[in-house]
Amino acid sequence: MFSAIKTVILAISLIVIATSLMACAYKKGDEHRGEKAMAAKAIEEVLEEHTNELMTIPGVVGTAQGLCNDKPCIKVYVIKKTPELKRKIPDTLEGYKVMIEETGEFRVLPQK
């Protein structure tokens, strides 16, 4: 009787351990897939493809490549950050985070 109970407990323990290991492996695989999806295009290429589209939005005065939390991101410079602009500018572009920065208008300085 005791050996049957021990066998059942051992079987259940093995099932729990196997399930846990599979869950960890699946989660780790997802992280790698996300990194590969993000790296599908270089940020310079993504920025080049989307800058003209972003610049057509009234209030946008520039775009650039930057770092957000130590990761490459796309920065969109605006005259004034408004709720309307937040709705028009996407949060991400092809896997890269987009940050909106209020800069005011850019002006050319006179040459001396």
PDB file of N, CA and C in Angstrom:
ATOM      1  N   MET A   1       0.818  -1.191   0.000  1.00  0.00           N
ATOM      2  CA  MET A   1       0.000   0.000   0.000  1.00  0.00           C
ATOM      3  C   MET A   1       0.867   1.262   0.000  1.00  0.00           C
ATOM      4  N   PHE A   2       1.899   1.248   0.879  1.00  0.00           N
ATOM      5  CA  PHE A   2       2.758   2.421   0.947  1.00  0.00           C
ATOM      6  C   PHE A   2       3.544   2.616  -0.342  1.00  0.00           C
ATOM      7  N   SER A   3       3.960   1.544  -0.982  1.00  0.00           N
ATOM      8  CA  SER A   3       4.710   1.677  -2.219  1.00  0.00           C
ATOM      9  C   SER A   3       3.831   2.243  -3.333  1.00  0.00           C
ATOM     10  N   ALA A   4       2.545   1.931  -3.335  1.00  0.00           N
ATOM     11  CA  ALA A   4       1.619   2.487  -4.329  1.00  0.00           C
ATOM     12  C   ALA A   4       1.457   3.986  -4.110  1.00  0.00           C
ATOM     13  N   ILE A   5       1.348   4.418  -2.856  1.00  0.00           N
ATOM     14  CA  ILE A   5       1.218   5.854  -2.543  1.00  0.00           C
ATOM     15  C   ILE A   5       2.498   6.579  -2.936  1.00  0.00           C
ATOM     16  N   LYS A   6       3.648   5.974  -2.631  1.00  0.00           N
ATOM     17  CA  LYS A   6       4.923   6.589  -3.008  1.00  0.00           C
ATOM     18  C   LYS A   6       5.039   6.716  -4.517  1.00  0.00           C
ATOM     19  N   THR A   7       4.596   5.728  -5.242  1.00  0.00           N
ATOM     20  CA  THR A   7       4.646   5.764  -6.706  1.00  0.00           C
ATOM     21  C   THR A   7       3.760   6.876  -7.247  1.00  0.00           C
ATOM     22  N   VAL A   8       2.568   7.041  -6.683  1.00  0.00           N
ATOM     23  CA  VAL A   8       1.648   8.099  -7.128  1.00  0.00           C
ATOM     24  C   VAL A   8       2.243   9.468  -6.827  1.00  0.00           C
ATOM     25  N   ILE A   9       2.799   9.638  -5.625  1.00  0.00           N
ATOM     26  CA  ILE A   9       3.414  10.918  -5.253  1.00  0.00           C
ATOM     27  C   ILE A   9       4.597  11.223  -6.168  1.00  0.00           C
ATOM     28  N   LEU A  10       5.412  10.245  -6.457  1.00  0.00           N
ATOM     29  CA  LEU A  10       6.552  10.417  -7.356  1.00  0.00           C
ATOM     30  C   LEU A  10       6.078  10.805  -8.762  1.00  0.00           C
ATOM     31  N   ALA A  11       5.055  10.154  -9.245  1.00  0.00           N
ATOM     32  CA  ALA A  11       4.519  10.461 -10.583  1.00  0.00           C
ATOM     33  C   ALA A  11       3.985  11.889 -10.636  1.00  0.00           C
ATOM     34  N   ILE A  12       3.239  12.283  -9.614  1.00  0.00           N
ATOM     35  CA  ILE A  12       2.694  13.653  -9.574  1.00  0.00           C
ATOM     36  C   ILE A  12       3.831  14.667  -9.508  1.00  0.00           C
ATOM     37  N   SER A  13       4.849  14.397  -8.711  1.00  0.00           N
ATOM     38  CA  SER A  13       6.003  15.299  -8.605  1.00  0.00           C
ATOM     39  C   SER A  13       6.701  15.459  -9.943  1.00  0.00           C
ATOM     40  N   LEU A  14       6.888  14.364 -10.645  1.00  0.00           N
ATOM     41  CA  LEU A  14       7.536  14.421 -11.957  1.00  0.00           C
ATOM     42  C   LEU A  14       6.706  15.217 -12.964  1.00  0.00           C
ATOM     43  N   ILE A  15       5.395  15.064 -12.905  1.00  0.00           N
ATOM     44  CA  ILE A  15       4.512  15.818 -13.810  1.00  0.00           C
ATOM     45  C   ILE A  15       4.614  17.308 -13.520  1.00  0.00           C
ATOM     46  N   VAL A  16       4.617  17.683 -12.244  1.00  0.00           N
ATOM     47  CA  VAL A  16       4.726  19.102 -11.860  1.00  0.00           C
ATOM     48  C   VAL A  16       6.062  19.675 -12.324  1.00  0.00           C
ATOM     49  N   ILE A  17       7.137  18.949 -12.117  1.00  0.00           N
ATOM     50  CA  ILE A  17       8.468  19.421 -12.532  1.00  0.00           C
ATOM     51  C   ILE A  17       8.536  19.556 -14.054  1.00  0.00           C
ATOM     52  N   ALA A  18       8.039  18.563 -14.763  1.00  0.00           N
ATOM     53  CA  ALA A  18       8.068  18.621 -16.233  1.00  0.00           C
ATOM     54  C   ALA A  18       7.247  19.794 -16.753  1.00  0.00           C
ATOM     55  N   THR A  19       6.074  20.022 -16.166  1.00  0.00           N
ATOM     56  CA  THR A  19       5.222  21.137 -16.586  1.00  0.00           C
ATOM     57  C   THR A  19       5.917  22.466 -16.327  1.00  0.00           C
ATOM     58  N   SER A  20       6.563  22.608 -15.185  1.00  0.00           N
ATOM     59  CA  SER A  20       7.281  23.837 -14.859  1.00  0.00           C
ATOM     60  C   SER A  20       8.415  24.099 -15.836  1.00  0.00           C
ATOM     61  N   LEU A  21       9.164  23.067 -16.147  1.00  0.00           N
ATOM     62  CA  LEU A  21      10.269  23.220 -17.096  1.00  0.00           C
ATOM     63  C   LEU A  21       9.774  23.606 -18.478  1.00  0.00           C
ATOM     64  N   MET A  22       8.676  23.021 -18.905  1.00  0.00           N
ATOM     65  CA  MET A  22       8.113  23.358 -20.222  1.00  0.00           C
ATOM     66  C   MET A  22       7.645  24.809 -20.243  1.00  0.00           C
ATOM     67  N   ALA A  23       7.037  25.279 -19.164  1.00  0.00           N
ATOM     68  CA  ALA A  23       6.560  26.659 -19.097  1.00  0.00           C
ATOM     69  C   ALA A  23       7.735  27.629 -19.160  1.00  0.00           C
ATOM     70  N   CYS A  24       8.813  27.318 -18.452  1.00  0.00           N
ATOM     71  CA  CYS A  24       9.998  28.177 -18.482  1.00  0.00           C
ATOM     72  C   CYS A  24      10.617  28.202 -19.874  1.00  0.00           C
ATOM     73  N   ALA A  25      10.717  27.067 -20.506  1.00  0.00           N
ATOM     74  CA  ALA A  25      11.294  26.993 -21.854  1.00  0.00           C
ATOM     75  C   ALA A  25      10.443  27.779 -22.844  1.00  0.00           C
ATOM     76  N   TYR A  26       9.123  27.693 -22.726  1.00  0.00           N
ATOM     77  CA  TYR A  26       8.230  28.415 -23.633  1.00  0.00           C
ATOM     78  C   TYR A  26       8.391  29.915 -23.436  1.00  0.00           C
ATOM     79  N   LYS A  27       8.447  30.369 -22.185  1.00  0.00           N
ATOM     80  CA  LYS A  27       8.585  31.788 -21.896  1.00  0.00           C
ATOM     81  C   LYS A  27       9.901  32.312 -22.445  1.00  0.00           C
ATOM     82  N   LYS A  28      10.974  31.588 -22.246  1.00  0.00           N
ATOM     83  CA  LYS A  28      12.275  32.009 -22.743  1.00  0.00           C
ATOM     84  C   LYS A  28      12.272  32.079 -24.267  1.00  0.00           C
ATOM     85  N   GLY A  29      11.613  31.164 -24.923  1.00  0.00           N
ATOM     86  CA  GLY A  29      11.507  31.178 -26.377  1.00  0.00           C
ATOM     87  C   GLY A  29      10.773  32.411 -26.875  1.00  0.00           C
ATOM     88  N   ASP A  30       9.736  32.831 -26.160  1.00  0.00           N
ATOM     89  CA  ASP A  30       8.989  34.035 -26.539  1.00  0.00           C
ATOM     90  C   ASP A  30       9.885  35.262 -26.504  1.00  0.00           C
ATOM     91  N   GLU A  31      10.734  35.356 -25.469  1.00  0.00           N
ATOM     92  CA  GLU A  31      11.623  36.504 -25.369  1.00  0.00           C
ATOM     93  C   GLU A  31      12.552  36.554 -26.565  1.00  0.00           C
ATOM     94  N   HIS A  32      13.091  35.417 -26.963  1.00  0.00           N
ATOM     95  CA  HIS A  32      13.998  35.389 -28.109  1.00  0.00           C
ATOM     96  C   HIS A  32      13.268  35.740 -29.397  1.00  0.00           C
ATOM     97  N   ARG A  33      12.021  35.286 -29.547  1.00  0.00           N
ATOM     98  CA  ARG A  33      11.253  35.626 -30.749  1.00  0.00           C
ATOM     99  C   ARG A  33      11.031  37.135 -30.808  1.00  0.00           C
ATOM    100  N   GLY A  34      10.761  37.778 -29.670  1.00  0.00           N
ATOM    101  CA  GLY A  34      10.563  39.220 -29.634  1.00  0.00           C
ATOM    102  C   GLY A  34      11.813  39.966 -30.040  1.00  0.00           C
ATOM    103  N   GLU A  35      12.978  39.495 -29.575  1.00  0.00           N
ATOM    104  CA  GLU A  35      14.233  40.128 -29.955  1.00  0.00           C
ATOM    105  C   GLU A  35      14.478  39.993 -31.450  1.00  0.00           C
ATOM    106  N   LYS A  36      14.200  38.817 -32.011  1.00  0.00           N
ATOM    107  CA  LYS A  36      14.404  38.611 -33.440  1.00  0.00           C
ATOM    108  C   LYS A  36      13.438  39.467 -34.247  1.00  0.00           C
ATOM    109  N   ALA A  37      12.185  39.576 -33.790  1.00  0.00           N
ATOM    110  CA  ALA A  37      11.215  40.393 -34.515  1.00  0.00           C
ATOM    111  C   ALA A  37      11.657  41.846 -34.512  1.00  0.00           C
ATOM    112  N   MET A  38      12.192  42.297 -33.384  1.00  0.00           N
ATOM    113  CA  MET A  38      12.638  43.672 -33.291  1.00  0.00           C
ATOM    114  C   MET A  38      13.833  43.920 -34.209  1.00  0.00           C
ATOM    115  N   ALA A  39      14.711  42.945 -34.320  1.00  0.00           N
ATOM    116  CA  ALA A  39      15.922  43.100 -35.100  1.00  0.00           C
ATOM    117  C   ALA A  39      15.708  42.781 -36.587  1.00  0.00           C
ATOM    118  N   ALA A  40      14.480  42.529 -36.993  1.00  0.00           N
ATOM    119  CA  ALA A  40      14.213  42.203 -38.393  1.00  0.00           C
ATOM    120  C   ALA A  40      14.692  43.318 -39.310  1.00  0.00           C
ATOM    121  N   LYS A  41      14.519  44.571 -38.876  1.00  0.00           N
ATOM    122  CA  LYS A  41      15.015  45.724 -39.627  1.00  0.00           C
ATOM    123  C   LYS A  41      15.838  46.578 -38.683  1.00  0.00           C
ATOM    124  N   ALA A  42      16.879  47.163 -39.209  1.00  0.00           N
ATOM    125  CA  ALA A  42      17.680  48.087 -38.417  1.00  0.00           C
ATOM    126  C   ALA A  42      16.858  49.340 -38.144  1.00  0.00           C
ATOM    127  N   ILE A  43      17.082  49.957 -36.999  1.00  0.00           N
ATOM    128  CA  ILE A  43      16.314  51.141 -36.631  1.00  0.00           C
ATOM    129  C   ILE A  43      16.515  52.267 -37.648  1.00  0.00           C
ATOM    130  N   GLU A  44      17.705  52.352 -38.227  1.00  0.00           N
ATOM    131  CA  GLU A  44      17.952  53.386 -39.244  1.00  0.00           C
ATOM    132  C   GLU A  44      17.032  53.208 -40.442  1.00  0.00           C
ATOM    133  N   GLU A  45      16.820  51.960 -40.839  1.00  0.00           N
ATOM    134  CA  GLU A  45      15.948  51.662 -41.970  1.00  0.00           C
ATOM    135  C   GLU A  45      14.489  51.994 -41.639  1.00  0.00           C
ATOM    136  N   VAL A  46      14.063  51.626 -40.444  1.00  0.00           N
ATOM    137  CA  VAL A  46      12.685  51.911 -40.017  1.00  0.00           C
ATOM    138  C   VAL A  46      12.470  53.419 -39.960  1.00  0.00           C
ATOM    139  N   LEU A  47      13.430  54.135 -39.397  1.00  0.00           N
ATOM    140  CA  LEU A  47      13.322  55.594 -39.304  1.00  0.00           C
ATOM    141  C   LEU A  47      13.255  56.229 -40.693  1.00  0.00           C
ATOM    142  N   GLU A  48      14.097  55.756 -41.601  1.00  0.00           N
ATOM    143  CA  GLU A  48      14.098  56.290 -42.966  1.00  0.00           C
ATOM    144  C   GLU A  48      12.755  56.052 -43.656  1.00  0.00           C
ATOM    145  N   GLU A  49      12.179  54.859 -43.451  1.00  0.00           N
ATOM    146  CA  GLU A  49      10.909  54.527 -44.097  1.00  0.00           C
ATOM    147  C   GLU A  49       9.722  55.314 -43.540  1.00  0.00           C
ATOM    148  N   HIS A  50       9.795  55.752 -42.287  1.00  0.00           N
ATOM    149  CA  HIS A  50       8.629  56.380 -41.649  1.00  0.00           C
ATOM    150  C   HIS A  50       8.760  57.884 -41.413  1.00  0.00           C
ATOM    151  N   THR A  51       9.935  58.457 -41.615  1.00  0.00           N
ATOM    152  CA  THR A  51      10.122  59.881 -41.320  1.00  0.00           C
ATOM    153  C   THR A  51       9.196  60.769 -42.144  1.00  0.00           C
ATOM    154  N   ASN A  52       9.093  60.541 -43.447  1.00  0.00           N
ATOM    155  CA  ASN A  52       8.222  61.391 -44.272  1.00  0.00           C
ATOM    156  C   ASN A  52       6.776  61.334 -43.798  1.00  0.00           C
ATOM    157  N   GLU A  53       6.310  60.137 -43.471  1.00  0.00           N
ATOM    158  CA  GLU A  53       4.945  59.950 -42.969  1.00  0.00           C
ATOM    159  C   GLU A  53       4.741  60.715 -41.652  1.00  0.00           C
ATOM    160  N   LEU A  54       5.719  60.621 -40.742  1.00  0.00           N
ATOM    161  CA  LEU A  54       5.608  61.311 -39.457  1.00  0.00           C
ATOM    162  C   LEU A  54       5.656  62.826 -39.640  1.00  0.00           C
ATOM    163  N   MET A  55       6.485  63.288 -40.576  1.00  0.00           N
ATOM    164  CA  MET A  55       6.642  64.734 -40.790  1.00  0.00           C
ATOM    165  C   MET A  55       5.398  65.385 -41.404  1.00  0.00           C
ATOM    166  N   THR A  56       4.497  64.573 -41.958  1.00  0.00           N
ATOM    167  CA  THR A  56       3.257  65.144 -42.505  1.00  0.00           C
ATOM    168  C   THR A  56       2.235  65.452 -41.407  1.00  0.00           C
ATOM    169  N   ILE A  57       2.481  64.983 -40.205  1.00  0.00           N
ATOM    170  CA  ILE A  57       1.567  65.246 -39.086  1.00  0.00           C
ATOM    171  C   ILE A  57       1.810  66.672 -38.610  1.00  0.00           C
ATOM    172  N   PRO A  58       0.784  67.539 -38.638  1.00  0.00           N
ATOM    173  CA  PRO A  58       0.966  68.924 -38.178  1.00  0.00           C
ATOM    174  C   PRO A  58       1.468  68.960 -36.729  1.00  0.00           C
ATOM    175  N   GLY A  59       2.535  69.725 -36.511  1.00  0.00           N
ATOM    176  CA  GLY A  59       3.115  69.837 -35.177  1.00  0.00           C
ATOM    177  C   GLY A  59       4.393  69.048 -35.015  1.00  0.00           C
ATOM    178  N   VAL A  60       4.658  68.090 -35.919  1.00  0.00           N
ATOM    179  CA  VAL A  60       5.897  67.322 -35.864  1.00  0.00           C
ATOM    180  C   VAL A  60       6.982  68.121 -36.573  1.00  0.00           C
ATOM    181  N   VAL A  61       8.136  68.299 -35.897  1.00  0.00           N
ATOM    182  CA  VAL A  61       9.214  69.095 -36.483  1.00  0.00           C
ATOM    183  C   VAL A  61      10.490  68.300 -36.748  1.00  0.00           C
ATOM    184  N   GLY A  62      10.513  67.028 -36.336  1.00  0.00           N
ATOM    185  CA  GLY A  62      11.701  66.227 -36.612  1.00  0.00           C
ATOM    186  C   GLY A  62      11.605  64.823 -36.052  1.00  0.00           C
ATOM    187  N   THR A  63      12.535  63.978 -36.500  1.00  0.00           N
ATOM    188  CA  THR A  63      12.633  62.608 -35.999  1.00  0.00           C
ATOM    189  C   THR A  63      14.111  62.290 -35.799  1.00  0.00           C
ATOM    190  N   ALA A  64      14.373  61.321 -34.953  1.00  0.00           N
ATOM    191  CA  ALA A  64      15.755  60.917 -34.713  1.00  0.00           C
ATOM    192  C   ALA A  64      15.779  59.532 -34.101  1.00  0.00           C
ATOM    193  N   GLN A  65      16.961  58.953 -34.104  1.00  0.00           N
ATOM    194  CA  GLN A  65      17.200  57.687 -33.401  1.00  0.00           C
ATOM    195  C   GLN A  65      17.738  58.046 -32.030  1.00  0.00           C
ATOM    196  N   GLY A  66      17.262  57.350 -31.005  1.00  0.00           N
ATOM    197  CA  GLY A  66      17.739  57.610 -29.658  1.00  0.00           C
ATOM    198  C   GLY A  66      17.756  56.352 -28.823  1.00  0.00           C
ATOM    199  N   LEU A  67      17.931  56.535 -27.517  1.00  0.00           N
ATOM    200  CA  LEU A  67      17.888  55.434 -26.566  1.00  0.00           C
ATOM    201  C   LEU A  67      16.784  55.700 -25.558  1.00  0.00           C
ATOM    202  N   CYS A  68      15.985  54.690 -25.304  1.00  0.00           N
ATOM    203  CA  CYS A  68      14.928  54.742 -24.302  1.00  0.00           C
ATOM    204  C   CYS A  68      15.137  53.537 -23.396  1.00  0.00           C
ATOM    205  N   ASN A  69      15.450  53.772 -22.131  1.00  0.00           N
ATOM    206  CA  ASN A  69      15.774  52.683 -21.201  1.00  0.00           C
ATOM    207  C   ASN A  69      16.892  51.806 -21.754  1.00  0.00           C
ATOM    208  N   ASP A  70      17.910  52.443 -22.304  1.00  0.00           N
ATOM    209  CA  ASP A  70      19.090  51.763 -22.855  1.00  0.00           C
ATOM    210  C   ASP A  70      18.795  50.875 -24.058  1.00  0.00           C
ATOM    211  N   LYS A  71      17.655  51.084 -24.723  1.00  0.00           N
ATOM    212  CA  LYS A  71      17.316  50.332 -25.929  1.00  0.00           C
ATOM    213  C   LYS A  71      17.083  51.326 -27.066  1.00  0.00           C
ATOM    214  N   PRO A  72      17.411  50.941 -28.304  1.00  0.00           N
ATOM    215  CA  PRO A  72      17.176  51.846 -29.430  1.00  0.00           C
ATOM    216  C   PRO A  72      15.695  52.203 -29.541  1.00  0.00           C
ATOM    217  N   CYS A  73      15.419  53.479 -29.799  1.00  0.00           N
ATOM    218  CA  CYS A  73      14.038  53.916 -29.994  1.00  0.00           C
ATOM    219  C   CYS A  73      14.015  55.029 -31.031  1.00  0.00           C
ATOM    220  N   ILE A  74      12.821  55.362 -31.460  1.00  0.00           N
ATOM    221  CA  ILE A  74      12.622  56.450 -32.415  1.00  0.00           C
ATOM    222  C   ILE A  74      12.040  57.628 -31.648  1.00  0.00           C
ATOM    223  N   LYS A  75      12.671  58.787 -31.812  1.00  0.00           N
ATOM    224  CA  LYS A  75      12.187  59.993 -31.155  1.00  0.00           C
ATOM    225  C   LYS A  75      11.489  60.858 -32.194  1.00  0.00           C
ATOM    226  N   VAL A  76      10.319  61.355 -31.806  1.00  0.00           N
ATOM    227  CA  VAL A  76       9.563  62.261 -32.664  1.00  0.00           C
ATOM    228  C   VAL A  76       9.492  63.592 -31.930  1.00  0.00           C
ATOM    229  N   TYR A  77      10.049  64.634 -32.557  1.00  0.00           N
ATOM    230  CA  TYR A  77      10.080  65.963 -31.949  1.00  0.00           C
ATOM    231  C   TYR A  77       8.866  66.760 -32.414  1.00  0.00           C
ATOM    232  N   VAL A  78       8.185  67.371 -31.437  1.00  0.00           N
ATOM    233  CA  VAL A  78       6.971  68.129 -31.740  1.00  0.00           C
ATOM    234  C   VAL A  78       7.071  69.536 -31.149  1.00  0.00           C
ATOM    235  N   ILE A  79       6.326  70.471 -31.753  1.00  0.00           N
ATOM    236  CA  ILE A  79       6.305  71.840 -31.241  1.00  0.00           C
ATOM    237  C   ILE A  79       5.721  71.842 -29.834  1.00  0.00           C
ATOM    238  N   LYS A  80       4.567  71.210 -29.681  1.00  0.00           N
ATOM    239  CA  LYS A  80       3.904  71.098 -28.381  1.00  0.00           C
ATOM    240  C   LYS A  80       3.245  69.733 -28.297  1.00  0.00           C
ATOM    241  N   LYS A  81       3.489  69.040 -27.187  1.00  0.00           N
ATOM    242  CA  LYS A  81       2.919  67.714 -26.983  1.00  0.00           C
ATOM    243  C   LYS A  81       1.448  67.876 -26.592  1.00  0.00           C
ATOM    244  N   THR A  82       0.567  67.370 -27.446  1.00  0.00           N
ATOM    245  CA  THR A  82      -0.876  67.487 -27.206  1.00  0.00           C
ATOM    246  C   THR A  82      -1.516  66.102 -27.252  1.00  0.00           C
ATOM    247  N   PRO A  83      -2.697  65.959 -26.659  1.00  0.00           N
ATOM    248  CA  PRO A  83      -3.402  64.679 -26.745  1.00  0.00           C
ATOM    249  C   PRO A  83      -3.659  64.259 -28.198  1.00  0.00           C
ATOM    250  N   GLU A  84      -3.938  65.228 -29.058  1.00  0.00           N
ATOM    251  CA  GLU A  84      -4.192  64.925 -30.469  1.00  0.00           C
ATOM    252  C   GLU A  84      -2.948  64.310 -31.128  1.00  0.00           C
ATOM    253  N   LEU A  85      -1.771  64.894 -30.851  1.00  0.00           N
ATOM    254  CA  LEU A  85      -0.540  64.344 -31.412  1.00  0.00           C
ATOM    255  C   LEU A  85      -0.253  62.964 -30.839  1.00  0.00           C
ATOM    256  N   LYS A  86      -0.529  62.765 -29.558  1.00  0.00           N
ATOM    257  CA  LYS A  86      -0.318  61.446 -28.948  1.00  0.00           C
ATOM    258  C   LYS A  86      -1.169  60.384 -29.639  1.00  0.00           C
ATOM    259  N   ARG A  87      -2.360  60.769 -30.092  1.00  0.00           N
ATOM    260  CA  ARG A  87      -3.226  59.814 -30.807  1.00  0.00           C
ATOM    261  C   ARG A  87      -2.715  59.546 -32.216  1.00  0.00           C
ATOM    262  N   LYS A  88      -2.136  60.535 -32.855  1.00  0.00           N
ATOM    263  CA  LYS A  88      -1.703  60.393 -34.250  1.00  0.00           C
ATOM    264  C   LYS A  88      -0.346  59.695 -34.399  1.00  0.00           C
ATOM    265  N   ILE A  89       0.503  59.809 -33.387  1.00  0.00           N
ATOM    266  CA  ILE A  89       1.841  59.224 -33.457  1.00  0.00           C
ATOM    267  C   ILE A  89       1.797  57.849 -32.800  1.00  0.00           C
ATOM    268  N   PRO A  90       2.226  56.804 -33.514  1.00  0.00           N
ATOM    269  CA  PRO A  90       2.152  55.446 -32.945  1.00  0.00           C
ATOM    270  C   PRO A  90       3.101  55.273 -31.756  1.00  0.00           C
ATOM    271  N   ASP A  91       2.765  54.339 -30.868  1.00  0.00           N
ATOM    272  CA  ASP A  91       3.614  54.017 -29.712  1.00  0.00           C
ATOM    273  C   ASP A  91       4.852  53.236 -30.122  1.00  0.00           C
ATOM    274  N   THR A  92       4.715  52.445 -31.203  1.00  0.00           N
ATOM    275  CA  THR A  92       5.835  51.664 -31.720  1.00  0.00           C
ATOM    276  C   THR A  92       5.807  51.695 -33.247  1.00  0.00           C
ATOM    277  N   LEU A  93       6.971  51.524 -33.830  1.00  0.00           N
ATOM    278  CA  LEU A  93       7.107  51.375 -35.285  1.00  0.00           C
ATOM    279  C   LEU A  93       7.981  50.159 -35.534  1.00  0.00           C
ATOM    280  N   GLU A  94       7.394  49.138 -36.116  1.00  0.00           N
ATOM    281  CA  GLU A  94       8.098  47.910 -36.490  1.00  0.00           C
ATOM    282  C   GLU A  94       8.942  47.358 -35.341  1.00  0.00           C
ATOM    283  N   GLY A  95       8.361  47.393 -34.132  1.00  0.00           N
ATOM    284  CA  GLY A  95       9.011  46.816 -32.963  1.00  0.00           C
ATOM    285  C   GLY A  95       9.842  47.789 -32.142  1.00  0.00           C
ATOM    286  N   TYR A  96      10.060  48.998 -32.625  1.00  0.00           N
ATOM    287  CA  TYR A  96      10.843  49.989 -31.885  1.00  0.00           C
ATOM    288  C   TYR A  96       9.903  50.964 -31.178  1.00  0.00           C
ATOM    289  N   LYS A  97      10.192  51.256 -29.908  1.00  0.00           N
ATOM    290  CA  LYS A  97       9.399  52.192 -29.129  1.00  0.00           C
ATOM    291  C   LYS A  97       9.539  53.588 -29.735  1.00  0.00           C
ATOM    292  N   VAL A  98       8.444  54.348 -29.723  1.00  0.00           N
ATOM    293  CA  VAL A  98       8.448  55.727 -30.208  1.00  0.00           C
ATOM    294  C   VAL A  98       8.221  56.644 -29.013  1.00  0.00           C
ATOM    295  N   MET A  99       9.114  57.612 -28.846  1.00  0.00           N
ATOM    296  CA  MET A  99       8.995  58.593 -27.774  1.00  0.00           C
ATOM    297  C   MET A  99       8.722  59.965 -28.397  1.00  0.00           C
ATOM    298  N   ILE A 100       7.754  60.676 -27.836  1.00  0.00           N
ATOM    299  CA  ILE A 100       7.430  62.022 -28.304  1.00  0.00           C
ATOM    300  C   ILE A 100       8.118  63.012 -27.368  1.00  0.00           C
ATOM    301  N   GLU A 101       8.862  63.955 -27.946  1.00  0.00           N
ATOM    302  CA  GLU A 101       9.544  64.975 -27.150  1.00  0.00           C
ATOM    303  C   GLU A 101       9.127  66.358 -27.632  1.00  0.00           C
ATOM    304  N   GLU A 102       8.712  67.185 -26.690  1.00  0.00           N
ATOM    305  CA  GLU A 102       8.325  68.568 -27.002  1.00  0.00           C
ATOM    306  C   GLU A 102       9.594  69.409 -27.075  1.00  0.00           C
ATOM    307  N   THR A 103       9.808  70.053 -28.234  1.00  0.00           N
ATOM    308  CA  THR A 103      11.026  70.840 -28.447  1.00  0.00           C
ATOM    309  C   THR A 103      10.737  72.292 -28.797  1.00  0.00           C
ATOM    310  N   GLY A 104       9.496  72.589 -29.175  1.00  0.00           N
ATOM    311  CA  GLY A 104       9.214  73.890 -29.750  1.00  0.00           C
ATOM    312  C   GLY A 104       9.606  73.853 -31.222  1.00  0.00           C
ATOM    313  N   GLU A 105       9.541  75.007 -31.869  1.00  0.00           N
ATOM    314  CA  GLU A 105       9.903  75.046 -33.292  1.00  0.00           C
ATOM    315  C   GLU A 105      11.407  75.083 -33.449  1.00  0.00           C
ATOM    316  N   PHE A 106      11.901  74.449 -34.511  1.00  0.00           N
ATOM    317  CA  PHE A 106      13.310  74.537 -34.852  1.00  0.00           C
ATOM    318  C   PHE A 106      13.489  75.737 -35.773  1.00  0.00           C
ATOM    319  N   ARG A 107      14.503  76.529 -35.523  1.00  0.00           N
ATOM    320  CA  ARG A 107      14.761  77.688 -36.376  1.00  0.00           C
ATOM    321  C   ARG A 107      16.218  77.685 -36.805  1.00  0.00           C
ATOM    322  N   VAL A 108      16.459  78.146 -38.017  1.00  0.00           N
ATOM    323  CA  VAL A 108      17.814  78.272 -38.528  1.00  0.00           C
ATOM    324  C   VAL A 108      18.407  79.538 -37.929  1.00  0.00           C
ATOM    325  N   LEU A 109      19.578  79.409 -37.336  1.00  0.00           N
ATOM    326  CA  LEU A 109      20.253  80.585 -36.789  1.00  0.00           C
ATOM    327  C   LEU A 109      20.928  81.358 -37.899  1.00  0.00           C
ATOM    328  N   PRO A 110      20.913  82.675 -37.805  1.00  0.00           N
ATOM    329  CA  PRO A 110      21.584  83.468 -38.847  1.00  0.00           C
ATOM    330  C   PRO A 110      23.095  83.243 -38.783  1.00  0.00           C
ATOM    331  N   GLN A 111      23.705  83.218 -39.980  1.00  0.00           N
ATOM    332  CA  GLN A 111      25.161  83.040 -40.025  1.00  0.00           C
ATOM    333  C   GLN A 111      25.839  84.343 -39.676  1.00  0.00           C
ATOM    334  N   LYS A 112      26.953  84.250 -39.004  1.00  0.00           N
ATOM    335  CA  LYS A 112      27.705  85.471 -38.593  1.00  0.00           C
ATOM    336  C   LYS A 112      28.877  85.681 -39.476  1.00  0.00           C
TER     337      LYS A 112
END
